Amino acid sequence: MTRETLTHTAIEPGILYFGTPVVLVSTRNEDGTANLAPISSVFWLGWRAVLGIGRSSQTTRNLLRTGEAVLNLPSDALAPEVDRLALTTGTDPVPPRKRERGYFHVADKFDRAGLTPVDSETVAAPRVAECPVAMEVVLEQTLPVGATVRAAGVGSGPSSSILAIETRVQRVFVHEEIRLAGKENHVDPDAWRPLIMSFQQLYGLGPRVRESTLARIPEERYRGPDIDLARETPPRDGTSAA
């Protein structure tokens, strides 16, 4: 097929998951136990992470109540563990829309997935030991998604069932094997193999296809004030963060 023969066709897919990283969000329930939930609507801007998540989920309730969480990034090798969390929810009773889709309540998500909780440094929620990347975050602000559609009288239900939640990263932890040799604060993109969700299926990354022109810009040029703010955040035990 040549470029001259390429055409677009209009379609209306129910979802637009064209490939985003899977994140296991860990939070604390009201009774102090840990909750763990996979999401794949997330993107990063500097040391900020924006999550797209259902308003009624246990993760959302915990995050809004406590103002903190851990964003654990599984590698593609952890696909079986992540899939064990599919169709599970920490909310009891199960919300109607989730129940219609086949979700069921699981109290101990770490046990269900076969993953290990470890204490975090700046938040109460645990990190996932097996995930090569874990970011401790605090809540900054929330934004309802879809409110304008409901306001126009289209559809039914609450003003918005989805929230865009902006979080600020306070600590970034990685496994040693994904660090770039000779660099203190760099991740090796050839060693880091994230788990990707694409239209409800789990994938890994293929090999690098090209050296990016953007890679000519040193990563340090992107460092923003949130890193300095994170350095000023003391560990929960009160010891120095240095």
Protein backbone atom coordinates (compact mmCIF):
# COMPACT_ATOMS: atom_id res chain seq x y z
CA MET A 1 0.00 0.00 0.00
CA THR A 2 1.37 3.40 -0.97
CA ARG A 3 0.75 6.67 0.81
CA GLU A 4 -1.42 7.78 -2.09
CA THR A 5 -3.87 4.93 -1.45
CA LEU A 6 -4.15 5.39 2.34
CA THR A 7 -7.60 6.48 3.47
CA HIS A 8 -9.37 6.95 6.79
CA THR A 9 -12.70 5.39 7.74
CA ALA A 10 -14.93 6.86 10.43
CA ILE A 11 -15.68 4.42 13.28
CA GLU A 12 -17.20 4.72 16.78
CA PRO A 13 -15.24 2.46 19.16
CA GLY A 14 -16.61 2.15 22.69
CA ILE A 15 -13.17 2.86 24.16
CA LEU A 16 -10.07 4.70 22.94
CA TYR A 17 -7.29 2.72 24.62
CA PHE A 18 -4.71 3.00 21.87
CA GLY A 19 -1.91 1.86 24.18
CA THR A 20 -1.11 3.24 27.63
CA PRO A 21 1.00 1.92 30.52
CA VAL A 22 -0.65 -0.14 33.24
CA VAL A 23 -0.41 1.35 36.73
CA LEU A 24 -1.16 -0.48 39.98
CA VAL A 25 -2.47 2.19 42.34
CA SER A 26 -2.07 1.34 46.01
CA THR A 27 -4.04 3.22 48.66
CA ARG A 28 -5.18 2.75 52.26
CA ASN A 29 -8.74 1.78 53.12
CA GLU A 30 -10.58 3.37 56.05
CA ASP A 31 -9.81 0.35 58.24
CA GLY A 32 -6.07 0.67 57.52
CA THR A 33 -5.81 -2.26 55.10
CA ALA A 34 -4.24 -1.80 51.68
CA ASN A 35 -6.10 -1.60 48.39
CA LEU A 36 -4.51 -2.25 45.00
CA ALA A 37 -6.13 -1.51 41.64
CA PRO A 38 -4.93 -1.55 38.01
CA ILE A 39 -5.67 1.45 35.80
CA SER A 40 -4.40 2.41 32.37
CA SER A 41 -5.62 5.99 31.96
CA VAL A 42 -2.60 7.95 33.09
CA PHE A 43 -0.01 10.38 31.78
CA TRP A 44 2.90 12.32 33.22
CA LEU A 45 3.93 15.95 32.99
CA GLY A 46 7.18 16.56 34.81
CA TRP A 47 6.74 15.21 38.33
CA ARG A 48 2.95 15.31 38.03
CA ALA A 49 0.77 12.33 37.13
CA VAL A 50 -2.82 12.71 35.91
CA LEU A 51 -5.07 9.71 36.51
CA GLY A 52 -8.37 8.99 34.80
CA ILE A 53 -10.45 6.93 37.21
CA GLY A 54 -14.04 6.14 38.11
CA ARG A 55 -15.59 8.31 40.81
CA SER A 56 -17.14 5.33 42.64
CA SER A 57 -14.03 3.13 42.81
CA GLN A 58 -12.45 2.27 46.14
CA THR A 59 -9.16 3.68 44.89
CA THR A 60 -10.77 7.05 44.18
CA ARG A 61 -12.49 7.13 47.55
CA ASN A 62 -9.24 6.31 49.33
CA LEU A 63 -7.23 8.83 47.32
CA LEU A 64 -9.72 11.65 47.92
CA ARG A 65 -9.97 10.81 51.63
CA THR A 66 -6.25 10.38 52.38
CA GLY A 67 -4.78 12.64 49.70
CA GLU A 68 -2.05 10.14 48.81
CA ALA A 69 -1.23 6.94 46.93
CA VAL A 70 1.55 4.99 45.26
CA LEU A 71 1.70 4.55 41.48
CA ASN A 72 3.41 1.20 40.89
CA LEU A 73 4.46 0.42 37.31
CA PRO A 74 4.56 -3.30 36.50
CA SER A 75 6.86 -4.71 33.85
CA ASP A 76 5.50 -6.93 31.09
CA ALA A 77 6.73 -9.95 33.11
CA LEU A 78 4.03 -9.16 35.71
CA ALA A 79 1.11 -9.55 33.29
CA PRO A 80 -0.25 -12.68 35.08
CA GLU A 81 -0.23 -10.91 38.45
CA VAL A 82 -1.95 -7.85 37.02
CA ASP A 83 -4.57 -9.95 35.26
CA ARG A 84 -5.53 -11.59 38.57
CA LEU A 85 -6.86 -8.19 39.61
CA ALA A 86 -9.11 -7.89 36.57
CA LEU A 87 -12.81 -7.58 37.43
CA THR A 88 -12.06 -7.16 41.14
CA THR A 89 -13.01 -4.20 43.29
CA GLY A 90 -12.27 -3.18 46.84
CA THR A 91 -15.72 -1.59 47.13
CA ASP A 92 -18.33 -3.56 49.07
CA PRO A 93 -21.07 -3.69 47.97
CA VAL A 94 -19.97 -3.68 44.34
CA PRO A 95 -21.22 -0.55 42.49
CA PRO A 96 -24.12 -1.36 40.10
CA ARG A 97 -22.27 -0.52 36.89
CA LYS A 98 -19.30 -2.66 37.89
CA ARG A 99 -21.58 -5.50 38.99
CA GLU A 100 -23.23 -5.43 35.54
CA ARG A 101 -19.78 -5.88 33.99
CA GLY A 102 -18.95 -8.89 36.16
CA TYR A 103 -16.87 -7.31 38.92
CA PHE A 104 -16.69 -8.93 42.35
CA HIS A 105 -15.39 -7.78 45.73
CA VAL A 106 -11.90 -8.78 46.92
CA ALA A 107 -10.69 -7.47 50.26
CA ASP A 108 -6.98 -8.41 50.00
CA LYS A 109 -5.84 -7.41 46.53
CA PHE A 110 -2.14 -8.02 47.24
CA ASP A 111 -2.88 -11.61 48.20
CA ARG A 112 -5.13 -12.05 45.18
CA ALA A 113 -2.39 -10.87 42.81
CA GLY A 114 0.46 -12.64 44.60
CA LEU A 115 2.33 -9.36 45.13
CA THR A 116 4.24 -8.05 48.14
CA PRO A 117 3.46 -4.79 49.98
CA VAL A 118 6.42 -2.85 51.35
CA ASP A 119 6.39 0.31 53.46
CA SER A 120 6.56 3.60 51.61
CA GLU A 121 8.73 6.51 52.71
CA THR A 122 6.39 9.52 52.53
CA VAL A 123 2.86 8.07 52.31
CA ALA A 124 0.89 5.46 54.25
CA ALA A 125 -0.01 3.40 51.18
CA PRO A 126 2.47 0.56 50.47
CA ARG A 127 4.66 0.16 47.41
CA VAL A 128 4.58 -3.06 45.38
CA ALA A 129 7.95 -4.77 45.81
CA GLU A 130 7.81 -6.60 42.47
CA CYS A 131 7.12 -3.49 40.35
CA PRO A 132 10.33 -2.05 38.87
CA VAL A 133 9.01 1.50 39.35
CA ALA A 134 7.06 2.97 42.27
CA MET A 135 6.12 6.62 42.70
CA GLU A 136 4.75 7.99 45.96
CA VAL A 137 2.25 10.75 45.18
CA VAL A 138 -0.02 13.27 46.88
CA LEU A 139 -3.30 14.66 45.59
CA GLU A 140 -3.21 18.13 44.04
CA GLN A 141 -6.62 18.62 42.40
CA THR A 142 -9.51 16.83 40.70
CA LEU A 143 -11.56 17.60 37.60
CA PRO A 144 -14.84 15.92 36.60
CA VAL A 145 -14.70 14.45 33.10
CA GLY A 146 -17.80 14.61 30.94
CA ALA A 147 -19.68 17.19 33.02
CA THR A 148 -20.39 19.36 29.98
CA VAL A 149 -22.16 16.47 28.26
CA ARG A 150 -24.41 15.86 31.26
CA ALA A 151 -25.08 19.58 31.58
CA ALA A 152 -26.29 19.59 27.98
CA GLY A 153 -28.88 16.96 28.86
CA VAL A 154 -27.17 14.10 27.03
CA GLY A 155 -27.04 10.75 28.81
CA SER A 156 -28.09 9.99 32.35
CA GLY A 157 -26.63 9.41 35.77
CA PRO A 158 -24.46 11.69 37.92
CA SER A 159 -22.89 14.86 36.58
CA SER A 160 -19.70 12.92 35.95
CA SER A 161 -18.78 9.32 36.70
CA ILE A 162 -15.09 9.83 35.89
CA LEU A 163 -12.50 12.06 37.50
CA ALA A 164 -9.19 13.36 36.21
CA ILE A 165 -6.98 13.42 39.31
CA GLU A 166 -3.75 15.40 39.31
CA THR A 167 -1.12 14.07 41.68
CA ARG A 168 2.36 15.30 42.55
CA VAL A 169 5.24 12.82 42.84
CA GLN A 170 7.21 12.94 46.09
CA ARG A 171 9.53 9.95 45.62
CA VAL A 172 10.55 7.79 42.66
CA PHE A 173 11.93 4.30 43.40
CA VAL A 174 13.28 1.89 40.77
CA HIS A 175 14.86 -1.54 40.61
CA GLU A 176 18.60 -1.41 40.03
CA GLU A 177 18.41 -3.39 36.79
CA ILE A 178 16.53 -0.63 34.94
CA ARG A 179 18.93 2.17 35.89
CA LEU A 180 21.13 3.55 33.11
CA ALA A 181 24.75 2.60 33.72
CA GLY A 182 26.92 5.53 34.72
CA LYS A 183 23.95 7.82 35.45
CA GLU A 184 22.59 8.47 38.92
CA ASN A 185 19.05 9.55 38.02
CA HIS A 186 18.29 7.98 34.63
CA VAL A 187 16.16 5.00 33.64
CA ASP A 188 17.53 2.87 30.80
CA PRO A 189 14.71 2.80 28.20
CA ASP A 190 16.14 -0.40 26.71
CA ALA A 191 16.01 -2.15 30.09
CA TRP A 192 12.60 -0.86 31.18
CA ARG A 193 9.82 -2.98 29.67
CA PRO A 194 6.46 -1.55 30.79
CA LEU A 195 3.20 -3.45 30.63
CA ILE A 196 0.89 -1.82 28.08
CA MET A 197 -2.91 -1.95 27.82
CA SER A 198 -4.22 -1.68 24.27
CA PHE A 199 -7.95 -2.16 23.71
CA GLN A 200 -8.33 -4.39 26.77
CA GLN A 201 -5.34 -6.58 25.88
CA LEU A 202 -1.96 -6.67 27.63
CA TYR A 203 1.23 -6.11 25.64
CA GLY A 204 4.92 -5.43 26.13
CA LEU A 205 7.12 -3.04 24.15
CA GLY A 206 9.03 -4.13 21.08
CA PRO A 207 12.66 -3.13 20.50
CA ARG A 208 13.56 0.49 19.86
CA VAL A 209 12.83 1.36 16.23
CA ARG A 210 14.78 4.62 15.94
CA GLU A 211 17.00 6.99 17.86
CA SER A 212 14.76 9.93 18.71
CA THR A 213 15.89 13.45 17.85
CA LEU A 214 14.42 14.53 21.20
CA ALA A 215 17.02 12.37 22.94
CA ARG A 216 19.60 15.01 22.04
CA ILE A 217 18.14 17.16 24.82
CA PRO A 218 19.68 16.17 28.18
CA GLU A 219 17.05 14.92 30.63
CA GLU A 220 18.29 17.39 33.23
CA ARG A 221 16.89 20.22 31.08
CA TYR A 222 13.39 19.03 32.00
CA ARG A 223 13.89 19.13 35.77
CA GLY A 224 11.24 21.35 37.35
CA PRO A 225 10.53 22.84 40.80
CA ASP A 226 8.51 19.79 41.90
CA ILE A 227 11.78 17.90 42.38
CA ASP A 228 13.00 20.50 44.86
CA LEU A 229 9.61 20.36 46.59
CA ALA A 230 9.86 16.57 46.79
CA ARG A 231 13.31 16.82 48.39
CA GLU A 232 11.81 19.00 51.12
CA THR A 233 9.19 16.34 51.94
CA PRO A 234 10.45 14.40 54.97
CA PRO A 235 9.88 10.65 55.38
CA ARG A 236 6.90 9.67 57.51
CA ASP A 237 9.22 8.53 60.30
CA GLY A 238 10.65 12.05 60.56
CA THR A 239 14.19 11.23 59.41
CA SER A 240 16.01 13.30 56.82
CA ALA A 241 15.12 12.71 53.17
CA ALA A 242 18.69 13.38 52.06
